[in-house]
Protein backbone atom coordinates (compact mmCIF):
# COMPACT_ATOMS: atom_id res chain seq x y z
CA UNK A 1 26.20 -8.56 8.16
CA UNK A 2 24.46 -10.89 10.54
CA UNK A 3 21.38 -10.46 8.36
CA UNK A 4 22.08 -11.18 4.69
CA UNK A 5 20.93 -8.98 1.82
CA UNK A 6 20.31 -11.09 -1.27
CA UNK A 7 19.78 -10.17 -4.92
CA UNK A 8 18.55 -12.66 -7.52
CA UNK A 9 17.99 -11.39 -11.04
CA UNK A 10 17.19 -12.24 -14.64
CA UNK A 11 18.07 -9.30 -16.92
CA UNK A 12 18.72 -8.31 -20.52
CA UNK A 13 22.45 -8.80 -19.88
CA UNK A 14 22.20 -12.57 -20.12
CA UNK A 15 18.66 -13.20 -21.42
CA UNK A 16 17.04 -11.88 -24.63
CA UNK A 17 13.62 -10.28 -24.25
CA UNK A 18 11.65 -13.33 -25.47
CA UNK A 19 13.39 -15.44 -22.79
CA UNK A 20 13.19 -12.74 -20.12
CA UNK A 21 9.44 -12.51 -20.58
CA UNK A 22 8.99 -16.09 -19.35
CA UNK A 23 10.31 -15.13 -15.90
CA UNK A 24 7.77 -12.30 -15.53
CA UNK A 25 5.72 -12.33 -12.34
CA UNK A 26 2.04 -11.65 -13.10
CA UNK A 27 0.49 -11.63 -9.61
CA UNK A 28 2.76 -9.53 -7.41
CA UNK A 29 0.78 -9.93 -4.17
CA UNK A 30 0.82 -13.70 -4.52
CA UNK A 31 4.53 -13.63 -5.39
CA UNK A 32 5.38 -11.71 -2.23
CA UNK A 33 3.38 -14.15 -0.15
CA UNK A 34 5.06 -17.17 -1.79
CA UNK A 35 8.59 -15.79 -1.50
CA UNK A 36 8.14 -14.99 2.20
CA UNK A 37 6.54 -18.35 2.89
CA UNK A 38 8.78 -20.71 0.89
CA UNK A 39 12.11 -19.07 -0.03
CA UNK A 40 13.42 -18.38 3.48
CA UNK A 41 13.25 -14.59 2.95
CA UNK A 42 11.95 -12.47 5.81
CA UNK A 43 11.69 -9.36 3.62
CA UNK A 44 11.60 -8.95 -0.15
CA UNK A 45 11.24 -6.34 -2.89
CA UNK A 46 10.58 -7.21 -6.55
CA UNK A 47 11.76 -4.89 -9.33
CA UNK A 48 10.16 -5.72 -12.66
CA UNK A 49 10.66 -3.82 -15.93
CA UNK A 50 10.78 -4.77 -19.61
CA UNK A 51 14.55 -5.33 -19.23
CA UNK A 52 14.78 -7.08 -15.85
CA UNK A 53 13.05 -9.04 -13.12
CA UNK A 54 14.96 -8.72 -9.83
CA UNK A 55 14.38 -9.81 -6.28
CA UNK A 56 16.05 -8.21 -3.27
CA UNK A 57 15.62 -10.08 -0.01
CA UNK A 58 16.70 -10.09 3.63
CA UNK A 59 17.35 -13.32 5.47
CA UNK A 60 19.61 -14.96 8.01
CA UNK A 61 20.68 -17.45 5.33
CA UNK A 62 21.16 -17.10 1.59
CA UNK A 63 19.63 -20.03 -0.27
CA UNK A 64 19.45 -19.38 -4.05
CA UNK A 65 17.98 -22.85 -4.65
CA UNK A 66 14.92 -22.02 -2.52
CA UNK A 67 14.53 -18.71 -4.40
CA UNK A 68 14.76 -20.52 -7.76
CA UNK A 69 12.25 -23.14 -6.64
CA UNK A 70 9.76 -20.54 -5.43
CA UNK A 71 10.21 -18.32 -8.51
CA UNK A 72 9.74 -21.35 -10.78
CA UNK A 73 6.56 -22.30 -8.91
CA UNK A 74 5.15 -18.76 -9.25
CA UNK A 75 5.82 -18.52 -13.00
CA UNK A 76 5.29 -22.17 -13.99
CA UNK A 77 8.87 -22.30 -15.26
CA UNK A 78 11.20 -25.30 -15.14
CA UNK A 79 13.93 -24.84 -12.51
CA UNK A 80 16.54 -25.77 -15.12
CA UNK A 81 15.82 -22.51 -16.95
CA UNK A 82 17.15 -20.55 -13.98
CA UNK A 83 20.63 -22.08 -14.20
CA UNK A 84 21.55 -20.17 -17.34
CA UNK A 85 19.44 -17.08 -16.81
CA UNK A 86 19.44 -16.22 -13.09
CA UNK A 87 22.33 -14.57 -11.30
CA UNK A 88 22.44 -14.24 -7.51
CA UNK A 89 24.72 -12.20 -5.24
CA UNK A 90 24.62 -11.20 -1.59
CA UNK A 91 25.63 -8.53 0.90
CA UNK A 92 28.21 -6.06 -0.48
CA UNK A 93 27.74 -7.25 -4.08
CA UNK A 94 23.96 -6.89 -3.74
CA UNK A 95 24.33 -3.37 -2.33
CA UNK A 96 26.79 -2.44 -5.09
CA UNK A 97 24.37 -3.71 -7.75
CA UNK A 98 21.46 -1.71 -6.30
CA UNK A 99 23.56 1.48 -6.42
CA UNK A 100 24.44 0.74 -10.05
CA UNK A 101 20.71 0.42 -10.72
CA UNK A 102 19.72 3.69 -9.02
CA UNK A 103 22.59 5.62 -10.64
CA UNK A 104 21.82 4.28 -14.14
CA UNK A 105 25.02 2.29 -14.71
CA UNK A 106 23.25 -1.04 -15.22
CA UNK A 107 20.61 0.21 -17.66
CA UNK A 108 20.42 -0.79 -21.31
CA UNK A 109 20.84 2.93 -22.08
CA UNK A 110 23.56 4.31 -19.84
CA UNK A 111 22.18 6.78 -17.30
CA UNK A 112 18.52 6.45 -18.32
CA UNK A 113 16.17 7.89 -15.73
CA UNK A 114 13.16 5.57 -16.00
CA UNK A 115 14.69 2.87 -13.78
CA UNK A 116 14.88 5.22 -10.79
CA UNK A 117 11.12 5.80 -10.88
CA UNK A 118 10.54 2.06 -11.31
CA UNK A 119 12.66 1.32 -8.22
CA UNK A 120 10.72 3.91 -6.19
CA UNK A 121 7.47 2.30 -7.34
CA UNK A 122 8.80 -1.17 -6.43
CA UNK A 123 9.68 -0.33 -2.83
CA UNK A 124 6.32 1.46 -2.41
CA UNK A 125 4.48 -1.65 -3.65
CA UNK A 126 6.53 -3.90 -1.35
CA UNK A 127 5.73 -1.67 1.62
CA UNK A 128 2.03 -1.66 0.78
CA UNK A 129 2.08 -5.45 0.50
CA UNK A 130 3.85 -5.77 3.85
CA UNK A 131 6.72 -7.59 2.13
CA UNK A 132 9.55 -5.19 2.98
CA UNK A 133 10.62 -4.27 6.48
CA UNK A 134 13.20 -2.28 8.39
CA UNK A 135 16.22 -3.59 6.48
CA UNK A 136 14.99 -3.26 2.91
CA UNK A 137 13.07 -0.03 3.55
CA UNK A 138 16.27 1.50 4.91
CA UNK A 139 18.37 0.05 2.07
CA UNK A 140 16.11 1.29 -0.72
CA UNK A 141 15.57 4.74 0.80
CA UNK A 142 19.32 5.24 1.08
CA UNK A 143 20.07 3.75 -2.37
CA UNK A 144 17.49 6.02 -4.05
CA UNK A 145 18.95 9.11 -2.35
CA UNK A 146 22.50 8.09 -3.28
CA UNK A 147 21.53 7.29 -6.88
CA UNK A 148 19.75 10.64 -7.25
CA UNK A 149 22.75 12.49 -5.86
CA UNK A 150 25.14 10.65 -8.19
CA UNK A 151 23.00 11.50 -11.21
CA UNK A 152 22.77 15.16 -10.24
CA UNK A 153 26.46 15.63 -9.46
CA UNK A 154 27.88 13.56 -12.34
CA UNK A 155 25.42 14.59 -15.05
CA UNK A 156 25.38 11.01 -16.36
CA UNK A 157 21.65 11.26 -17.18
CA UNK A 158 22.09 14.31 -19.43
CA UNK A 159 22.60 14.43 -23.18
CA UNK A 160 22.49 10.75 -24.11
CA UNK A 161 20.49 8.78 -26.65
CA UNK A 162 20.25 5.09 -27.59
CA UNK A 163 20.60 3.43 -30.98
CA UNK A 164 16.87 2.70 -30.84
CA UNK A 165 15.75 6.23 -30.06
CA UNK A 166 18.20 7.70 -32.60
CA UNK A 167 16.75 5.40 -35.28
CA UNK A 168 13.22 6.54 -34.44
CA UNK A 169 14.36 10.17 -34.43
CA UNK A 170 15.87 9.74 -37.92
CA UNK A 171 12.62 8.19 -39.14
CA UNK A 172 10.71 11.20 -37.80
CA UNK A 173 13.07 13.57 -39.59
CA UNK A 174 12.80 11.75 -42.93
CA UNK A 175 9.16 10.66 -43.01
CA UNK A 176 6.34 13.22 -42.94
CA UNK A 177 3.49 12.50 -40.53
CA UNK A 178 5.05 9.29 -39.23
CA UNK A 179 2.01 8.60 -37.02
CA UNK A 180 -0.06 7.99 -40.14
CA UNK A 181 2.48 5.54 -41.63
CA UNK A 182 2.82 1.78 -41.27
CA UNK A 183 5.89 0.83 -39.25
CA UNK A 184 7.46 -2.64 -39.03
CA UNK A 185 10.03 -3.84 -36.51
CA UNK A 186 11.90 -7.01 -37.49
CA UNK A 187 13.56 -8.71 -34.50
CA UNK A 188 12.95 -9.12 -30.77
CA UNK A 189 16.43 -8.64 -29.31
CA UNK A 190 18.13 -5.88 -27.31
CA UNK A 191 18.16 -3.24 -30.06
CA UNK A 192 14.55 -4.05 -31.00
CA UNK A 193 13.63 -3.42 -27.38
CA UNK A 194 15.17 0.05 -27.53
CA UNK A 195 13.31 0.81 -30.77
CA UNK A 196 10.00 -0.45 -29.33
CA UNK A 197 10.43 1.59 -26.15
CA UNK A 198 11.10 4.71 -28.21
CA UNK A 199 8.14 4.10 -30.55
CA UNK A 200 5.84 3.52 -27.56
CA UNK A 201 7.09 6.62 -25.78
CA UNK A 202 6.26 8.72 -28.86
CA UNK A 203 2.84 7.11 -29.33
CA UNK A 204 3.45 5.26 -32.62
CA UNK A 205 1.66 2.07 -33.70
CA UNK A 206 3.95 -0.61 -35.11
CA UNK A 207 4.02 -4.24 -36.18
CA UNK A 208 6.57 -6.77 -34.91
CA UNK A 209 7.83 -9.91 -36.58
CA UNK A 210 10.33 -12.61 -35.71
CA UNK A 211 11.12 -16.07 -37.01
CA UNK A 212 8.44 -17.55 -34.73
CA UNK A 213 5.03 -16.05 -34.02
CA UNK A 214 5.25 -17.03 -30.33
CA UNK A 215 8.42 -14.98 -29.94
CA UNK A 216 6.75 -11.97 -31.56
CA UNK A 217 3.69 -12.36 -29.34
CA UNK A 218 5.79 -12.60 -26.17
CA UNK A 219 7.73 -9.49 -27.20
CA UNK A 220 4.56 -7.52 -27.94
CA UNK A 221 2.99 -8.46 -24.59
CA UNK A 222 5.92 -6.78 -22.87
CA UNK A 223 6.97 -4.05 -25.30
CA UNK A 224 3.80 -3.23 -27.24
CA UNK A 225 3.20 -3.54 -30.97
CA UNK A 226 1.19 -6.01 -33.04
CA UNK A 227 2.70 -9.40 -33.93
CA UNK A 228 2.68 -10.43 -37.61
CA UNK A 229 3.81 -13.62 -39.31
CA UNK A 230 7.39 -13.66 -40.58
CA UNK A 231 6.41 -15.34 -43.87
CA UNK A 232 3.80 -12.66 -44.63
CA UNK A 233 6.36 -9.91 -44.08
CA UNK A 234 8.98 -11.36 -46.44
CA UNK A 235 6.49 -11.32 -49.31
CA UNK A 236 4.71 -8.12 -48.26
CA UNK A 237 7.26 -5.34 -47.68
CA UNK A 238 5.10 -3.07 -49.88
CA UNK A 239 2.63 -2.85 -46.94
CA UNK A 240 5.05 -0.83 -44.79
CA UNK A 241 6.46 2.69 -44.97
CA UNK A 242 9.27 2.28 -42.42
CA UNK A 243 11.30 -0.85 -41.62
CA UNK A 244 13.42 -1.15 -38.48
CA UNK A 245 15.54 -4.27 -39.05
CA UNK A 246 17.28 -5.47 -35.87
CA UNK A 247 17.88 -9.18 -36.13
CA UNK A 248 20.64 -11.73 -36.74
CA UNK A 249 20.93 -13.90 -39.82
CA UNK A 250 23.80 -15.29 -41.94
CA UNK A 251 22.13 -13.86 -45.06
CA UNK A 252 20.18 -10.79 -46.22
CA UNK A 253 16.54 -10.84 -45.06
CA UNK A 254 15.74 -7.63 -46.88
CA UNK A 255 17.03 -8.31 -50.37
CA UNK A 256 17.38 -6.12 -53.47
CA UNK A 257 14.82 -8.24 -55.32
CA UNK A 258 12.19 -8.09 -52.54
CA UNK A 259 12.41 -4.32 -52.13
CA UNK A 260 12.47 -3.76 -55.93
CA UNK A 261 9.25 -5.79 -56.13
CA UNK A 262 7.74 -3.95 -53.15
CA UNK A 263 8.47 -0.44 -54.42
CA UNK A 264 6.65 -1.18 -57.70
CA UNK A 265 3.48 -1.77 -55.68
CA UNK A 266 3.78 1.53 -53.79
CA UNK A 267 2.90 5.12 -54.66
CA UNK A 268 5.46 6.49 -52.21
CA UNK A 269 8.98 5.62 -51.04
CA UNK A 270 10.19 3.66 -48.01
CA UNK A 271 12.73 4.19 -45.28
CA UNK A 272 14.76 1.22 -44.06
CA UNK A 273 16.97 1.36 -40.98
CA UNK A 274 19.31 -1.62 -40.70
CA UNK A 275 20.26 -1.96 -37.03
CA UNK A 276 21.57 -5.51 -37.41
CA UNK A 277 25.13 -6.63 -36.79
CA UNK A 278 26.08 -8.12 -39.19
CA UNK A 279 23.83 -6.30 -41.64
CA UNK A 280 20.73 -8.09 -42.86
CA UNK A 281 19.69 -5.52 -45.47
CA UNK A 282 21.42 -5.75 -48.86
CA UNK A 283 23.32 -2.48 -49.40
CA UNK A 284 22.22 -2.46 -53.06
CA UNK A 285 18.75 -1.58 -51.73
CA UNK A 286 20.03 2.00 -51.33
CA UNK A 287 20.29 2.32 -55.13
CA UNK A 288 16.56 1.73 -55.61
CA UNK A 289 14.67 4.91 -56.44
CA UNK A 290 12.46 6.03 -53.55
CA UNK A 291 14.36 4.07 -50.88
CA UNK A 292 16.19 5.76 -47.99
CA UNK A 293 18.56 3.28 -46.30
CA UNK A 294 20.61 3.87 -43.15
CA UNK A 295 22.77 1.22 -41.50
CA UNK A 296 23.93 0.61 -37.95
CA UNK A 297 27.36 2.17 -38.48
CA UNK A 298 25.87 5.48 -39.57
CA UNK A 299 23.38 5.55 -36.70
CA UNK A 300 25.96 4.39 -34.13
CA UNK A 301 28.25 7.24 -35.19
CA UNK A 302 25.53 9.75 -34.34
CA UNK A 303 24.80 7.99 -31.04
CA UNK A 304 28.50 7.93 -30.14
CA UNK A 305 28.70 11.70 -30.23
CA UNK A 306 25.84 11.87 -27.74
CA UNK A 307 27.14 9.02 -25.57
CA UNK A 308 30.79 10.06 -25.29
CA UNK A 309 30.00 12.60 -22.60
CA UNK A 310 28.24 9.92 -20.53
CA UNK A 311 30.88 7.26 -21.10
CA UNK A 312 33.58 9.63 -19.89
CA UNK A 313 31.66 9.94 -16.63
CA UNK A 314 31.31 6.20 -15.98
CA UNK A 315 34.64 5.85 -14.17
CA UNK A 316 33.84 8.80 -11.91
CA UNK A 317 30.41 7.33 -11.11
CA UNK A 318 31.95 3.91 -10.37
CA UNK A 319 34.41 5.56 -7.95
CA UNK A 320 31.54 7.31 -6.16
CA UNK A 321 29.61 4.04 -5.93
CA UNK A 322 32.64 2.24 -4.45
CA UNK A 323 32.86 4.92 -1.75
CA UNK A 324 29.13 4.99 -1.09
CA UNK A 325 28.80 1.20 -0.87
CA UNK A 326 31.17 1.22 2.13
CA UNK A 327 28.92 3.70 3.95
CA UNK A 328 25.78 1.84 2.90
CA UNK A 329 27.21 -1.50 4.03
CA UNK A 330 28.09 -0.03 7.45
CA UNK A 331 24.55 1.37 7.77
CA UNK A 332 23.03 -2.02 7.02
CA UNK A 333 25.34 -3.80 9.46
CA UNK A 334 24.44 -1.26 12.13
CA UNK A 335 20.79 -2.33 11.84
CA UNK A 336 21.77 -5.69 13.36
CA UNK A 337 22.60 -3.92 16.62
CA UNK A 338 19.51 -1.69 16.76
CA UNK A 339 17.09 -4.27 18.25
CA UNK A 340 19.54 -4.91 21.12
CA UNK A 341 20.15 -1.17 21.60
CA UNK A 342 16.43 -0.36 21.66
CA UNK A 343 15.71 -3.34 23.90
CA UNK A 344 18.39 -2.35 26.40
CA UNK A 345 17.27 1.30 26.52
CA UNK A 346 13.66 0.22 26.94
CA UNK A 347 14.32 -2.26 29.76
CA UNK A 348 16.62 0.12 31.65
CA UNK A 349 14.13 2.97 31.21
CA UNK A 350 11.37 0.79 32.64
CA UNK A 351 13.62 0.01 35.61
CA UNK A 352 14.40 3.72 36.01
CA UNK A 353 10.70 4.63 35.92
CA UNK A 354 9.84 1.94 38.50
CA UNK A 355 12.55 3.07 40.91
CA UNK A 356 11.64 6.72 40.33
CA UNK A 357 8.04 6.11 41.36
CA UNK A 358 9.21 4.32 44.52
CA UNK A 359 11.46 7.24 45.42
CA UNK A 360 8.73 9.80 44.82
CA UNK A 361 6.35 7.86 47.08
CA UNK A 362 8.98 7.66 49.83
CA UNK A 363 9.60 11.41 49.53
CA UNK A 364 5.86 12.08 49.41
CA UNK A 365 6.67 14.64 46.76
CA UNK A 366 3.75 16.38 45.00
CA UNK A 367 5.44 19.49 43.61
CA UNK A 368 5.28 19.01 39.79
CA UNK A 369 8.29 21.23 39.20
CA UNK A 370 10.45 19.21 41.60
CA UNK A 371 9.13 15.89 40.21
CA UNK A 372 10.14 17.02 36.70
CA UNK A 373 13.64 17.95 37.89
CA UNK A 374 14.07 14.55 39.55
CA UNK A 375 12.68 12.71 36.49
CA UNK A 376 14.98 14.63 34.11
CA UNK A 377 17.91 13.86 36.39
CA UNK A 378 17.22 10.12 36.34
CA UNK A 379 16.91 10.17 32.54
CA UNK A 380 20.17 12.08 32.15
CA UNK A 381 22.02 9.64 34.43
CA UNK A 382 20.60 6.62 32.62
CA UNK A 383 21.48 7.97 29.16
CA UNK A 384 24.98 8.96 30.27
CA UNK A 385 25.66 5.45 31.54
CA UNK A 386 24.03 3.51 28.70
CA UNK A 387 24.89 5.65 25.65
CA UNK A 388 28.62 4.89 25.52
CA UNK A 389 28.37 1.07 25.56
CA UNK A 390 25.44 1.20 23.10
CA UNK A 391 27.34 3.46 20.67
CA UNK A 392 30.30 1.11 20.93
CA UNK A 393 27.93 -1.75 20.17
CA UNK A 394 26.69 0.06 17.04
CA UNK A 395 30.28 0.64 15.91
CA UNK A 396 31.13 -3.03 16.43
CA UNK A 397 28.13 -3.97 14.35
CA UNK A 398 29.17 -1.55 11.57
CA UNK A 399 32.62 -3.15 11.59
CA UNK A 400 31.09 -6.56 10.98
CA UNK A 401 31.42 -8.05 14.46
CA UNK A 402 28.09 -9.84 15.04
CA UNK A 403 29.62 -11.81 17.92
CA UNK A 404 29.88 -8.58 19.94
CA UNK A 405 26.18 -7.92 19.36
CA UNK A 406 25.36 -11.47 20.43
CA UNK A 407 27.45 -11.16 23.63
CA UNK A 408 25.85 -7.80 24.45
CA UNK A 409 22.43 -9.35 24.05
CA UNK A 410 23.35 -12.05 26.57
CA UNK A 411 24.93 -9.57 29.02
CA UNK A 412 21.85 -7.37 29.02
CA UNK A 413 19.50 -10.39 28.89
CA UNK A 414 17.96 -9.12 25.65
CA UNK A 415 15.22 -11.35 24.25
CA UNK A 416 14.81 -11.16 20.46
CA UNK A 417 11.21 -10.18 19.78
CA UNK A 418 9.55 -9.10 16.50
CA UNK A 419 9.14 -5.34 16.09
């Protein structure tokens, strides 16, 4: 591609939620203005969800350092933070990644549908802000259609459930009137994110704690919930009816002694779901009267039954994406030739119209029917002559031959002007 398509991203795949949150863009209109002014991007689209912040751009040159510098300026981040957390790709790899996004292959929960709506919203916002243009509008429209078709034909979006949503579902099945109960989420990592999303989706209030209050606050700003101090939780388990424990520690956070003490202060039982790996809830807790304990292995086994059908479809979806990315790449390359093609047709048509008017004056022709016949004839001749070389130019562009487009521009004296 003469024009480069660039993708720069910070996602849950290499950054936990409390780190990811720092890269969040608060003022989208300002961000679009800054990226177009300082990063070298002529077009850009920002996709921002609780699991990812991604930038797609179009430019003649790919300069990740300029993108990092601009992004850092917008968020107040240190540029060094981008080295470990930001990944950037271009052209075919960027197109391939976008198709994985729209088809659900790059989601935290395989095949989840929410990302498709978020991508549609992102391109709409970019259009409204005047940040996207011909290249990215075309790219996103095609990618959304392809992703939708892949989902419909493969069925990858049907019948799946995450560890987080399964845990919430089990809590609903075991606790009466869960909306009236006090729920605590311990941890701010990937699994905690899935639990929080599921709790939010079902309309439940919940508290969140982590080893540092700032981490809990950052998580709650993005995922919902109310932050509470870690120290208060460890000595106050009796204040909660349901515990979702999804953290990492080399020891048990939820100990037999703490829960024994907590249950004495309560009139009803508790449910504890240990989603940690390794476990951070002492298994002896299950022997305490009034305690219902489920661990990650038990929950994962239930999830696996639901996910197997999707996982079996991943290879088929990847094969479809590999085929579609070739077509998409050719479509994007073809756009490089379109300004020349349109320019040539326009200039030749103006010449045709000028010469037609001269001929009609010389003939002193006033019969509208005859004038239309002559006009249609001149158009047909022009299109017959010009169409073949222009179609060949489009094909050359699709095949990745920008030099042919450049030569054609010189031959036809095409001057590059903004649309």
